[in-house]
Protein backbone atom coordinates (compact mmCIF):
# COMPACT_ATOMS: atom_id res chain seq x y z
CA MET A 1 -0.31 -0.16 0.21
CA ILE A 2 0.82 3.70 -0.49
CA ALA A 3 2.55 5.22 2.95
CA GLU A 4 0.19 8.28 4.31
CA ALA A 5 2.87 10.79 3.43
CA ARG A 6 3.09 9.98 -0.11
CA MET A 7 -0.46 9.53 -0.11
CA ASP A 8 -1.04 13.33 0.57
CA ALA A 9 1.50 13.99 -1.94
CA LEU A 10 -0.27 12.01 -4.73
CA MET A 11 -3.75 14.06 -4.05
CA ASN A 12 -1.93 17.18 -3.82
CA GLN A 13 -0.65 16.66 -7.29
CA GLY A 14 -4.06 15.11 -8.72
CA TRP A 15 -5.99 18.44 -7.43
CA GLN A 16 -3.34 21.19 -8.15
CA ALA A 17 -4.05 24.66 -6.88
CA ALA A 18 -2.66 27.91 -8.98
CA HIS A 19 -0.35 29.20 -6.06
CA LEU A 20 1.53 27.45 -4.27
CA THR A 21 3.76 28.48 -1.10
CA GLN A 22 6.69 26.34 0.51
CA LEU A 23 6.44 28.05 3.85
CA ASP A 24 9.30 26.09 6.23
CA GLY A 25 7.94 22.64 5.61
CA TRP A 26 4.41 23.63 4.95
CA LEU A 27 2.70 23.79 1.48
CA VAL A 28 0.07 26.85 1.35
CA ARG A 29 -2.39 26.38 -1.57
CA HIS A 30 -4.90 29.10 -2.46
CA ASP A 31 -6.92 29.56 -5.52
CA ALA A 32 -9.89 32.00 -5.44
CA GLY A 33 -11.89 29.98 -2.68
CA VAL A 34 -12.40 27.07 -5.37
CA THR A 35 -12.68 23.63 -3.05
CA LEU A 36 -10.95 23.09 0.45
CA ARG A 37 -8.08 21.12 -0.97
CA ALA A 38 -6.71 23.84 -3.38
CA ASN A 39 -6.99 26.69 -0.60
CA SER A 40 -5.63 24.74 2.23
CA VAL A 41 -2.19 24.27 4.08
CA LEU A 42 -0.55 20.77 3.86
CA PRO A 43 1.42 20.60 6.84
CA ALA A 44 4.28 18.20 5.88
CA SER A 45 7.07 19.19 8.11
CA ALA A 46 6.87 21.31 11.17
CA PRO A 47 8.12 24.94 11.07
CA PHE A 48 10.78 26.41 13.09
CA ASP A 49 8.52 28.83 14.46
CA LEU A 50 5.00 27.83 14.70
CA ASP A 51 3.20 30.84 15.82
CA LYS A 52 4.87 32.69 13.46
CA ALA A 53 3.90 30.43 10.45
CA LEU A 54 -0.01 30.50 11.80
CA ASP A 55 0.16 33.98 11.67
CA TYR A 56 1.79 34.06 8.15
CA VAL A 57 -0.91 31.53 6.91
CA GLU A 58 -4.24 33.34 8.49
CA ASN A 59 -3.14 36.74 6.95
CA LEU A 60 -2.12 35.64 3.39
CA TYR A 61 -5.58 33.96 3.33
CA VAL A 62 -7.39 36.99 4.57
CA ALA A 63 -5.68 39.11 2.17
CA HIS A 64 -6.93 36.26 -0.87
CA GLY A 65 -10.55 36.66 1.12
CA ILE A 66 -10.48 32.78 2.01
CA ARG A 67 -11.03 31.28 5.53
CA PRO A 68 -7.34 29.80 6.66
CA SER A 69 -7.89 26.36 6.70
CA PHE A 70 -5.42 23.36 6.88
CA GLN A 71 -5.81 19.58 5.78
CA ILE A 72 -4.94 17.18 9.07
CA GLY A 73 -4.15 13.62 8.63
CA PRO A 74 -2.05 11.57 10.42
CA ALA A 75 1.09 12.53 8.70
CA VAL A 76 0.62 16.13 10.11
CA GLN A 77 3.46 18.11 11.26
CA PRO A 78 3.59 19.05 13.99
CA SER A 79 2.01 16.27 15.43
CA ASP A 80 0.26 18.35 17.58
CA LEU A 81 -1.21 20.95 14.94
CA ASP A 82 -4.54 19.83 15.10
CA ASP A 83 -5.18 20.43 18.82
CA ARG A 84 -2.93 23.87 18.53
CA LEU A 85 -5.72 24.87 15.71
CA ALA A 86 -8.68 23.85 17.86
CA ALA A 87 -7.47 26.17 20.13
CA ARG A 88 -7.08 29.17 17.85
CA GLY A 89 -10.94 28.67 17.17
CA TYR A 90 -10.51 26.56 13.94
CA GLU A 91 -13.46 24.05 13.27
CA VAL A 92 -13.17 20.32 11.95
CA ARG A 93 -14.66 20.28 8.17
CA ASN A 94 -15.31 17.26 6.09
CA PRO A 95 -13.81 13.83 7.70
CA THR A 96 -12.61 11.87 4.60
CA LEU A 97 -11.20 8.33 4.42
CA VAL A 98 -8.40 7.71 1.55
CA GLN A 99 -8.50 4.64 0.13
CA CYS A 100 -6.48 2.56 -2.16
CA GLY A 101 -6.48 -0.70 -4.09
CA LEU A 102 -4.79 -2.43 -6.95
CA LEU A 103 -6.02 -1.52 -10.18
CA THR A 104 -6.54 -5.05 -11.56
CA ASP A 105 -7.81 -6.45 -8.47
CA VAL A 106 -10.47 -3.48 -8.51
CA LEU A 107 -11.04 -3.78 -12.33
CA ALA A 108 -11.78 -7.84 -11.56
CA GLN A 109 -14.54 -6.82 -9.60
CA LEU A 110 -16.45 -4.71 -12.00
CA PRO A 111 -18.86 -5.83 -14.87
CA ALA A 112 -18.32 -4.85 -18.11
CA PRO A 113 -20.54 -1.86 -18.83
CA GLU A 114 -23.77 -2.14 -20.61
CA VAL A 115 -23.86 1.44 -21.84
CA GLU A 116 -21.23 3.70 -24.08
CA VAL A 117 -18.66 5.25 -21.90
CA ASN A 118 -16.28 7.53 -23.58
CA ILE A 119 -13.00 8.01 -22.57
CA SER A 120 -11.21 11.68 -23.48
CA SER A 121 -8.12 13.17 -22.01
CA THR A 122 -9.75 16.78 -21.58
CA PRO A 123 -12.85 17.36 -19.80
CA SER A 124 -15.90 18.22 -22.63
CA VAL A 125 -18.48 20.74 -22.01
CA ALA A 126 -21.05 18.28 -21.44
CA TRP A 127 -18.76 16.52 -18.80
CA THR A 128 -18.50 19.54 -16.86
CA ASP A 129 -22.10 20.63 -17.21
CA CYS A 130 -22.88 17.34 -15.40
CA TRP A 131 -20.23 17.48 -13.18
CA TRP A 132 -20.78 21.12 -12.25
CA SER A 133 -24.26 20.59 -11.79
CA ILE A 134 -24.10 18.35 -9.18
CA ASP A 135 -20.70 19.61 -7.27
CA GLY A 136 -20.82 22.73 -8.54
CA ARG A 137 -20.53 26.00 -6.19
CA GLY A 138 -21.82 28.82 -8.21
CA ASP A 139 -21.36 30.12 -11.61
CA ASP A 140 -18.48 32.52 -10.34
CA ALA A 141 -15.97 29.85 -9.41
CA ARG A 142 -16.33 27.18 -12.63
CA ALA A 143 -13.76 28.82 -14.61
CA THR A 144 -11.43 28.34 -11.85
CA ALA A 145 -12.65 24.63 -11.03
CA GLU A 146 -12.10 24.09 -14.96
CA GLU A 147 -8.33 25.65 -14.80
CA ILE A 148 -7.57 22.95 -11.59
CA LEU A 149 -8.93 19.96 -13.81
CA ARG A 150 -6.95 21.01 -16.56
CA ARG A 151 -3.42 21.38 -14.19
CA GLY A 152 -2.62 17.70 -13.95
CA ASN A 153 -2.53 14.92 -16.51
CA ALA A 154 -5.70 12.93 -16.24
CA LEU A 155 -8.43 10.69 -18.35
CA TYR A 156 -11.95 11.61 -18.18
CA ALA A 157 -14.76 9.37 -18.19
CA THR A 158 -18.54 10.68 -19.87
CA VAL A 159 -21.40 8.21 -20.56
CA PRO A 160 -23.49 10.05 -23.14
CA GLY A 161 -27.21 10.88 -22.89
CA PRO A 162 -29.56 12.59 -24.74
CA ASP A 163 -29.25 15.91 -26.92
CA GLY A 164 -25.61 15.58 -26.38
CA ALA A 165 -25.73 16.04 -22.41
CA ALA A 166 -23.99 13.77 -20.30
CA LYS A 167 -25.56 10.95 -17.98
CA ALA A 168 -22.54 10.31 -15.40
CA VAL A 169 -18.75 11.53 -15.38
CA GLY A 170 -15.64 10.95 -13.79
CA ARG A 171 -11.93 11.67 -13.53
CA LEU A 172 -9.11 9.96 -13.17
CA ALA A 173 -5.82 11.91 -11.94
CA LEU A 174 -2.46 10.39 -13.41
CA VAL A 175 -0.07 10.70 -10.77
CA ASP A 176 3.69 9.05 -11.32
CA ASP A 177 2.62 5.44 -11.31
CA THR A 178 -0.83 5.40 -9.29
CA ALA A 179 -3.81 6.66 -10.25
CA GLY A 180 -6.55 9.12 -8.34
CA LEU A 181 -10.35 8.63 -8.71
CA TYR A 182 -11.78 12.19 -9.15
CA CYS A 183 -15.53 13.85 -9.74
CA LEU A 184 -17.53 10.83 -9.97
CA ALA A 185 -20.83 12.21 -10.29
CA VAL A 186 -24.35 10.53 -12.14
CA ASP A 187 -27.13 13.17 -12.89
CA GLU A 188 -29.99 12.26 -10.55
CA ARG A 189 -32.61 11.11 -13.53
CA PHE A 190 -30.13 8.17 -14.35
CA ARG A 191 -28.62 6.94 -10.66
CA ARG A 192 -29.25 3.26 -9.17
CA GLN A 193 -28.43 2.19 -13.31
CA GLY A 194 -25.44 0.87 -12.55
CA LEU A 195 -23.49 4.18 -14.04
CA ALA A 196 -21.25 4.79 -11.27
CA SER A 197 -19.43 1.61 -11.96
CA ALA A 198 -19.49 2.15 -15.39
CA ILE A 199 -17.52 5.03 -15.48
CA ILE A 200 -15.03 3.49 -12.86
CA HIS A 201 -14.62 0.60 -15.31
CA GLY A 202 -14.14 2.64 -18.22
CA LEU A 203 -11.52 4.93 -16.53
CA LEU A 204 -9.66 1.91 -14.92
CA GLN A 205 -9.78 0.10 -18.38
CA ALA A 206 -8.23 3.12 -20.36
CA ALA A 207 -5.51 3.51 -17.51
CA THR A 208 -1.92 1.77 -16.80
CA THR A 209 -0.96 2.36 -13.25
CA LYS A 210 -0.25 -0.05 -10.61
CA TRP A 211 -2.49 1.51 -8.14
CA VAL A 212 -5.57 3.51 -7.95
CA TRP A 213 -7.05 5.59 -5.05
CA LEU A 214 -9.55 8.03 -3.71
CA SER A 215 -11.23 9.83 -1.41
CA VAL A 216 -14.97 9.70 0.14
CA LEU A 217 -16.60 11.50 3.02
CA GLU A 218 -17.05 9.33 6.09
CA SER A 219 -20.58 9.94 5.92
CA ASN A 220 -21.02 8.82 2.70
CA LEU A 221 -22.04 5.54 3.48
CA ALA A 222 -23.17 4.81 -0.06
CA ALA A 223 -20.09 5.40 -2.11
CA ARG A 224 -18.33 3.71 0.79
CA THR A 225 -20.37 0.65 0.43
CA LEU A 226 -19.48 0.58 -3.27
CA TYR A 227 -15.69 1.29 -3.08
CA GLU A 228 -15.22 -1.52 -0.68
CA ARG A 229 -17.11 -3.77 -2.43
CA LEU A 230 -14.55 -3.19 -5.56
CA GLY A 231 -11.57 -4.08 -3.03
CA PHE A 232 -10.82 -0.37 -2.27
CA ARG A 233 -9.19 -0.35 1.30
CA THR A 234 -9.01 2.48 4.03
CA VAL A 235 -5.10 3.58 4.15
CA SER A 236 -5.77 6.80 5.66
CA ARG A 237 -7.64 9.84 6.80
CA TYR A 238 -8.09 13.52 6.65
CA HIS A 239 -10.08 16.57 7.74
CA TYR A 240 -9.89 20.34 7.54
CA ARG A 241 -9.54 22.71 10.14
CA VAL A 242 -11.30 26.19 9.08
CA LYS A 243 -10.88 29.08 11.01
CA ALA A 244 -14.26 29.87 12.73
């Protein structure tokens, strides 16, 4: 399996912010407030002066109109950062599991799809329309989200629907010798038809990596049930600390 610290680095590469600042072992990310991952600190190493580093981060984010946020996982440095942030008024957001599996093992659990699945190296307008209609955060943020998608090497899967629209979509970020599943979304009119499994099958069949990983909200029992049935196992977890 993949070590926790490397898992953090892979997920960061799979969803890249426009602005990255190295701060004495911390990676400070910001991108117009679009998604917590792209607008939070990844604290990989302990800074020499913790209070000074925290003040710098808070001032930077406030200057950009973003709430100061940290991604907190098992590899966080310093190890007591979660408690330190809580004492400064930071609240927990989005407890998330990180799961991983051998690509060949996961693919073996998936039946061949009975629907057409189109794979491309860039997201089409129909792909983005479907994803944003489900996971979007307003029209003003869409352009920034599209830029995040295009920063990394990835595959995009679409189950076509009527009138050129998409019934379901998914993204597979290709990072080193691994792949990360992102943006799995199914139009509510076409759910419970096996389209999520079809999307995953199409993406993995087109990939040539050994490991595949994903993150799933701890509270999303339906998605967790699907991933565990496919052979994904929890290898790490994280949550965000966001300034109240």
